[in-house]
Amino acid sequence: MIKKINWLIWLVLVILWNYGFPQASPFQDVAVAVFLSILFIIIQLLQSRYLKKSSSRSKFEQ
């Protein structure tokens, strides 16, 4: 579910970039899409690490 939400946010940001900067060159469009992709990959890695840390805690720990 989180992957779908992240993808949807990425898509909305790419669409906003394209409509917000219509004079941008194709190179700039691709560069922004790649930058956003890398950013969301990093966010996904951080989310998975956080989930692993929170799920690895024992229920007996206080």
PDB file of N, CA and C in Angstrom:
ATOM      1  N   MET A   1       0.821  -1.195   0.000  1.00  0.00           N
ATOM      2  CA  MET A   1       0.000   0.000   0.000  1.00  0.00           C
ATOM      3  C   MET A   1       0.863   1.256   0.000  1.00  0.00           C
ATOM      4  N   ILE A   2       1.924   1.252   0.810  1.00  0.00           N
ATOM      5  CA  ILE A   2       2.809   2.414   0.889  1.00  0.00           C
ATOM      6  C   ILE A   2       3.500   2.639  -0.455  1.00  0.00           C
ATOM      7  N   LYS A   3       3.859   1.557  -1.146  1.00  0.00           N
ATOM      8  CA  LYS A   3       4.500   1.699  -2.460  1.00  0.00           C
ATOM      9  C   LYS A   3       3.578   2.396  -3.452  1.00  0.00           C
ATOM     10  N   LYS A   4       2.302   2.067  -3.405  1.00  0.00           N
ATOM     11  CA  LYS A   4       1.349   2.691  -4.310  1.00  0.00           C
ATOM     12  C   LYS A   4       1.183   4.176  -3.988  1.00  0.00           C
ATOM     13  N   ILE A   5       1.151   4.504  -2.706  1.00  0.00           N
ATOM     14  CA  ILE A   5       1.031   5.907  -2.305  1.00  0.00           C
ATOM     15  C   ILE A   5       2.269   6.681  -2.736  1.00  0.00           C
ATOM     16  N   ASN A   6       3.454   6.114  -2.517  1.00  0.00           N
ATOM     17  CA  ASN A   6       4.696   6.765  -2.943  1.00  0.00           C
ATOM     18  C   ASN A   6       4.715   6.977  -4.451  1.00  0.00           C
ATOM     19  N   TRP A   7       4.280   5.966  -5.205  1.00  0.00           N
ATOM     20  CA  TRP A   7       4.256   6.094  -6.662  1.00  0.00           C
ATOM     21  C   TRP A   7       3.290   7.189  -7.091  1.00  0.00           C
ATOM     22  N   LEU A   8       2.132   7.246  -6.436  1.00  0.00           N
ATOM     23  CA  LEU A   8       1.143   8.267  -6.771  1.00  0.00           C
ATOM     24  C   LEU A   8       1.676   9.670  -6.479  1.00  0.00           C
ATOM     25  N   ILE A   9       2.360   9.828  -5.345  1.00  0.00           N
ATOM     26  CA  ILE A   9       2.957  11.128  -5.012  1.00  0.00           C
ATOM     27  C   ILE A   9       4.019  11.493  -6.046  1.00  0.00           C
ATOM     28  N   TRP A  10       4.846  10.522  -6.434  1.00  0.00           N
ATOM     29  CA  TRP A  10       5.872  10.765  -7.464  1.00  0.00           C
ATOM     30  C   TRP A  10       5.218  11.208  -8.766  1.00  0.00           C
ATOM     31  N   LEU A  11       4.157  10.519  -9.158  1.00  0.00           N
ATOM     32  CA  LEU A  11       3.461  10.844 -10.398  1.00  0.00           C
ATOM     33  C   LEU A  11       2.882  12.264 -10.354  1.00  0.00           C
ATOM     34  N   VAL A  12       2.264  12.609  -9.248  1.00  0.00           N
ATOM     35  CA  VAL A  12       1.695  13.952  -9.108  1.00  0.00           C
ATOM     36  C   VAL A  12       2.802  15.004  -9.194  1.00  0.00           C
ATOM     37  N   LEU A  13       3.939  14.757  -8.559  1.00  0.00           N
ATOM     38  CA  LEU A  13       5.047  15.716  -8.620  1.00  0.00           C
ATOM     39  C   LEU A  13       5.590  15.868 -10.035  1.00  0.00           C
ATOM     40  N   VAL A  14       5.691  14.771 -10.773  1.00  0.00           N
ATOM     41  CA  VAL A  14       6.161  14.842 -12.160  1.00  0.00           C
ATOM     42  C   VAL A  14       5.159  15.623 -13.018  1.00  0.00           C
ATOM     43  N   ILE A  15       3.878  15.369 -12.814  1.00  0.00           N
ATOM     44  CA  ILE A  15       2.854  16.101 -13.573  1.00  0.00           C
ATOM     45  C   ILE A  15       2.896  17.583 -13.224  1.00  0.00           C
ATOM     46  N   LEU A  16       3.018  17.910 -11.938  1.00  0.00           N
ATOM     47  CA  LEU A  16       3.116  19.315 -11.536  1.00  0.00           C
ATOM     48  C   LEU A  16       4.341  19.982 -12.149  1.00  0.00           C
ATOM     49  N   TRP A  17       5.454  19.262 -12.207  1.00  0.00           N
ATOM     50  CA  TRP A  17       6.660  19.808 -12.838  1.00  0.00           C
ATOM     51  C   TRP A  17       6.386  20.112 -14.313  1.00  0.00           C
ATOM     52  N   ASN A  18       5.779  19.157 -15.002  1.00  0.00           N
ATOM     53  CA  ASN A  18       5.536  19.342 -16.438  1.00  0.00           C
ATOM     54  C   ASN A  18       4.577  20.486 -16.725  1.00  0.00           C
ATOM     55  N   TYR A  19       3.556  20.654 -15.919  1.00  0.00           N
ATOM     56  CA  TYR A  19       2.616  21.758 -16.133  1.00  0.00           C
ATOM     57  C   TYR A  19       3.123  23.069 -15.541  1.00  0.00           C
ATOM     58  N   GLY A  20       3.928  22.989 -14.500  1.00  0.00           N
ATOM     59  CA  GLY A  20       4.455  24.195 -13.875  1.00  0.00           C
ATOM     60  C   GLY A  20       5.586  24.834 -14.654  1.00  0.00           C
ATOM     61  N   PHE A  21       6.322  24.007 -15.376  1.00  0.00           N
ATOM     62  CA  PHE A  21       7.457  24.490 -16.169  1.00  0.00           C
ATOM     63  C   PHE A  21       7.344  23.965 -17.599  1.00  0.00           C
ATOM     64  N   PRO A  22       6.374  24.443 -18.361  1.00  0.00           N
ATOM     65  CA  PRO A  22       6.190  23.927 -19.725  1.00  0.00           C
ATOM     66  C   PRO A  22       7.348  24.288 -20.655  1.00  0.00           C
ATOM     67  N   GLN A  23       8.120  25.307 -20.329  1.00  0.00           N
ATOM     68  CA  GLN A  23       9.239  25.709 -21.171  1.00  0.00           C
ATOM     69  C   GLN A  23      10.500  24.862 -20.913  1.00  0.00           C
ATOM     70  N   ALA A  24      10.433  23.949 -19.964  1.00  0.00           N
ATOM     71  CA  ALA A  24      11.596  23.112 -19.651  1.00  0.00           C
ATOM     72  C   ALA A  24      11.934  22.213 -20.843  1.00  0.00           C
ATOM     73  N   SER A  25      13.229  21.995 -21.011  1.00  0.00           N
ATOM     74  CA  SER A  25      13.685  21.133 -22.105  1.00  0.00           C
ATOM     75  C   SER A  25      13.410  19.666 -21.764  1.00  0.00           C
ATOM     76  N   PRO A  26      13.413  18.802 -22.764  1.00  0.00           N
ATOM     77  CA  PRO A  26      13.237  17.365 -22.484  1.00  0.00           C
ATOM     78  C   PRO A  26      14.300  16.832 -21.522  1.00  0.00           C
ATOM     79  N   PHE A  27      15.528  17.348 -21.639  1.00  0.00           N
ATOM     80  CA  PHE A  27      16.581  16.919 -20.720  1.00  0.00           C
ATOM     81  C   PHE A  27      16.211  17.261 -19.280  1.00  0.00           C
ATOM     82  N   GLN A  28      15.686  18.472 -19.059  1.00  0.00           N
ATOM     83  CA  GLN A  28      15.286  18.874 -17.713  1.00  0.00           C
ATOM     84  C   GLN A  28      14.128  18.011 -17.206  1.00  0.00           C
ATOM     85  N   ASP A  29      13.187  17.674 -18.074  1.00  0.00           N
ATOM     86  CA  ASP A  29      12.081  16.798 -17.680  1.00  0.00           C
ATOM     87  C   ASP A  29      12.595  15.439 -17.208  1.00  0.00           C
ATOM     88  N   VAL A  30      13.508  14.875 -17.969  1.00  0.00           N
ATOM     89  CA  VAL A  30      14.067  13.575 -17.606  1.00  0.00           C
ATOM     90  C   VAL A  30      14.890  13.693 -16.326  1.00  0.00           C
ATOM     91  N   ALA A  31      15.679  14.752 -16.199  1.00  0.00           N
ATOM     92  CA  ALA A  31      16.512  14.939 -15.005  1.00  0.00           C
ATOM     93  C   ALA A  31      15.656  15.044 -13.743  1.00  0.00           C
ATOM     94  N   VAL A  32      14.567  15.781 -13.813  1.00  0.00           N
ATOM     95  CA  VAL A  32      13.695  15.917 -12.644  1.00  0.00           C
ATOM     96  C   VAL A  32      13.015  14.588 -12.325  1.00  0.00           C
ATOM     97  N   ALA A  33      12.568  13.861 -13.338  1.00  0.00           N
ATOM     98  CA  ALA A  33      11.939  12.558 -13.099  1.00  0.00           C
ATOM     99  C   ALA A  33      12.921  11.579 -12.467  1.00  0.00           C
ATOM    100  N   VAL A  34      14.162  11.569 -12.940  1.00  0.00           N
ATOM    101  CA  VAL A  34      15.181  10.689 -12.361  1.00  0.00           C
ATOM    102  C   VAL A  34      15.492  11.111 -10.925  1.00  0.00           C
ATOM    103  N   PHE A  35      15.633  12.416 -10.687  1.00  0.00           N
ATOM    104  CA  PHE A  35      15.891  12.917  -9.332  1.00  0.00           C
ATOM    105  C   PHE A  35      14.778  12.504  -8.377  1.00  0.00           C
ATOM    106  N   LEU A  36      13.521  12.689  -8.807  1.00  0.00           N
ATOM    107  CA  LEU A  36      12.403  12.301  -7.956  1.00  0.00           C
ATOM    108  C   LEU A  36      12.375  10.791  -7.721  1.00  0.00           C
ATOM    109  N   SER A  37      12.727  10.013  -8.731  1.00  0.00           N
ATOM    110  CA  SER A  37      12.768   8.558  -8.578  1.00  0.00           C
ATOM    111  C   SER A  37      13.798   8.154  -7.533  1.00  0.00           C
ATOM    112  N   ILE A  38      14.986   8.740  -7.624  1.00  0.00           N
ATOM    113  CA  ILE A  38      16.038   8.423  -6.655  1.00  0.00           C
ATOM    114  C   ILE A  38      15.616   8.859  -5.259  1.00  0.00           C
ATOM    115  N   LEU A  39      15.009  10.038  -5.159  1.00  0.00           N
ATOM    116  CA  LEU A  39      14.530  10.528  -3.872  1.00  0.00           C
ATOM    117  C   LEU A  39      13.514   9.561  -3.264  1.00  0.00           C
ATOM    118  N   PHE A  40      12.592   9.072  -4.058  1.00  0.00           N
ATOM    119  CA  PHE A  40      11.585   8.166  -3.534  1.00  0.00           C
ATOM    120  C   PHE A  40      12.146   6.777  -3.247  1.00  0.00           C
ATOM    121  N   ILE A  41      13.189   6.365  -3.937  1.00  0.00           N
ATOM    122  CA  ILE A  41      13.862   5.105  -3.596  1.00  0.00           C
ATOM    123  C   ILE A  41      14.511   5.238  -2.218  1.00  0.00           C
ATOM    124  N   ILE A  42      15.153   6.378  -1.969  1.00  0.00           N
ATOM    125  CA  ILE A  42      15.767   6.614  -0.659  1.00  0.00           C
ATOM    126  C   ILE A  42      14.697   6.656   0.432  1.00  0.00           C
ATOM    127  N   ILE A  43      13.590   7.316   0.172  1.00  0.00           N
ATOM    128  CA  ILE A  43      12.489   7.365   1.143  1.00  0.00           C
ATOM    129  C   ILE A  43      11.966   5.957   1.422  1.00  0.00           C
ATOM    130  N   GLN A  44      11.838   5.149   0.382  1.00  0.00           N
ATOM    131  CA  GLN A  44      11.357   3.782   0.549  1.00  0.00           C
ATOM    132  C   GLN A  44      12.332   2.952   1.394  1.00  0.00           C
ATOM    133  N   LEU A  45      13.639   3.131   1.171  1.00  0.00           N
ATOM    134  CA  LEU A  45      14.629   2.421   1.977  1.00  0.00           C
ATOM    135  C   LEU A  45      14.552   2.839   3.437  1.00  0.00           C
ATOM    136  N   LEU A  46      14.401   4.129   3.678  1.00  0.00           N
ATOM    137  CA  LEU A  46      14.285   4.616   5.046  1.00  0.00           C
ATOM    138  C   LEU A  46      13.016   4.090   5.711  1.00  0.00           C
ATOM    139  N   GLN A  47      11.929   4.026   4.969  1.00  0.00           N
ATOM    140  CA  GLN A  47      10.686   3.493   5.513  1.00  0.00           C
ATOM    141  C   GLN A  47      10.836   2.022   5.863  1.00  0.00           C
ATOM    142  N   SER A  48      11.500   1.249   5.014  1.00  0.00           N
ATOM    143  CA  SER A  48      11.661  -0.175   5.290  1.00  0.00           C
ATOM    144  C   SER A  48      12.579  -0.402   6.485  1.00  0.00           C
ATOM    145  N   ARG A  49      13.609   0.416   6.636  1.00  0.00           N
ATOM    146  CA  ARG A  49      14.476   0.297   7.813  1.00  0.00           C
ATOM    147  C   ARG A  49      13.720   0.631   9.082  1.00  0.00           C
ATOM    148  N   TYR A  50      12.890   1.673   9.031  1.00  0.00           N
ATOM    149  CA  TYR A  50      12.102   2.053  10.198  1.00  0.00           C
ATOM    150  C   TYR A  50      11.127   0.936  10.571  1.00  0.00           C
ATOM    151  N   LEU A  51      10.491   0.336   9.567  1.00  0.00           N
ATOM    152  CA  LEU A  51       9.554  -0.745   9.843  1.00  0.00           C
ATOM    153  C   LEU A  51      10.255  -1.959  10.419  1.00  0.00           C
ATOM    154  N   LYS A  52      11.469  -2.249   9.940  1.00  0.00           N
ATOM    155  CA  LYS A  52      12.224  -3.382  10.478  1.00  0.00           C
ATOM    156  C   LYS A  52      12.600  -3.129  11.929  1.00  0.00           C
ATOM    157  N   LYS A  53      13.016  -1.887  12.256  1.00  0.00           N
ATOM    158  CA  LYS A  53      13.381  -1.572  13.629  1.00  0.00           C
ATOM    159  C   LYS A  53      12.181  -1.681  14.559  1.00  0.00           C
ATOM    160  N   SER A  54      11.040  -1.170  14.125  1.00  0.00           N
ATOM    161  CA  SER A  54       9.875  -1.186  15.000  1.00  0.00           C
ATOM    162  C   SER A  54       9.284  -2.580  15.138  1.00  0.00           C
ATOM    163  N   SER A  55       9.423  -3.430  14.129  1.00  0.00           N
ATOM    164  CA  SER A  55       8.871  -4.790  14.224  1.00  0.00           C
ATOM    165  C   SER A  55       9.832  -5.759  14.894  1.00  0.00           C
ATOM    166  N   SER A  56      11.129  -5.394  15.013  1.00  0.00           N
ATOM    167  CA  SER A  56      12.086  -6.304  15.628  1.00  0.00           C
ATOM    168  C   SER A  56      12.096  -6.213  17.140  1.00  0.00           C
ATOM    169  N   ARG A  57      11.421  -5.222  17.697  1.00  0.00           N
ATOM    170  CA  ARG A  57      11.362  -5.087  19.143  1.00  0.00           C
ATOM    171  C   ARG A  57      10.524  -6.209  19.739  1.00  0.00           C
ATOM    172  N   SER A  58      10.999  -6.749  20.824  1.00  0.00           N
ATOM    173  CA  SER A  58      10.280  -7.821  21.484  1.00  0.00           C
ATOM    174  C   SER A  58       9.078  -7.257  22.230  1.00  0.00           C
ATOM    175  N   LYS A  59       8.004  -8.006  22.249  1.00  0.00           N
ATOM    176  CA  LYS A  59       6.835  -7.533  22.974  1.00  0.00           C
ATOM    177  C   LYS A  59       7.022  -7.639  24.476  1.00  0.00           C
ATOM    178  N   PHE A  60       8.127  -8.298  24.906  1.00  0.00           N
ATOM    179  CA  PHE A  60       8.402  -8.430  26.341  1.00  0.00           C
ATOM    180  C   PHE A  60       9.273  -7.300  26.860  1.00  0.00           C
ATOM    181  N   GLU A  61       9.835  -6.485  25.954  1.00  0.00           N
ATOM    182  CA  GLU A  61      10.663  -5.375  26.394  1.00  0.00           C
ATOM    183  C   GLU A  61       9.783  -4.265  26.940  1.00  0.00           C
ATOM    184  N   GLN A  62      10.284  -3.609  27.946  1.00  0.00           N
ATOM    185  CA  GLN A  62       9.533  -2.515  28.557  1.00  0.00           C
ATOM    186  C   GLN A  62      10.207  -1.212  28.285  1.00  0.00           C
TER     187      GLN A  62
END
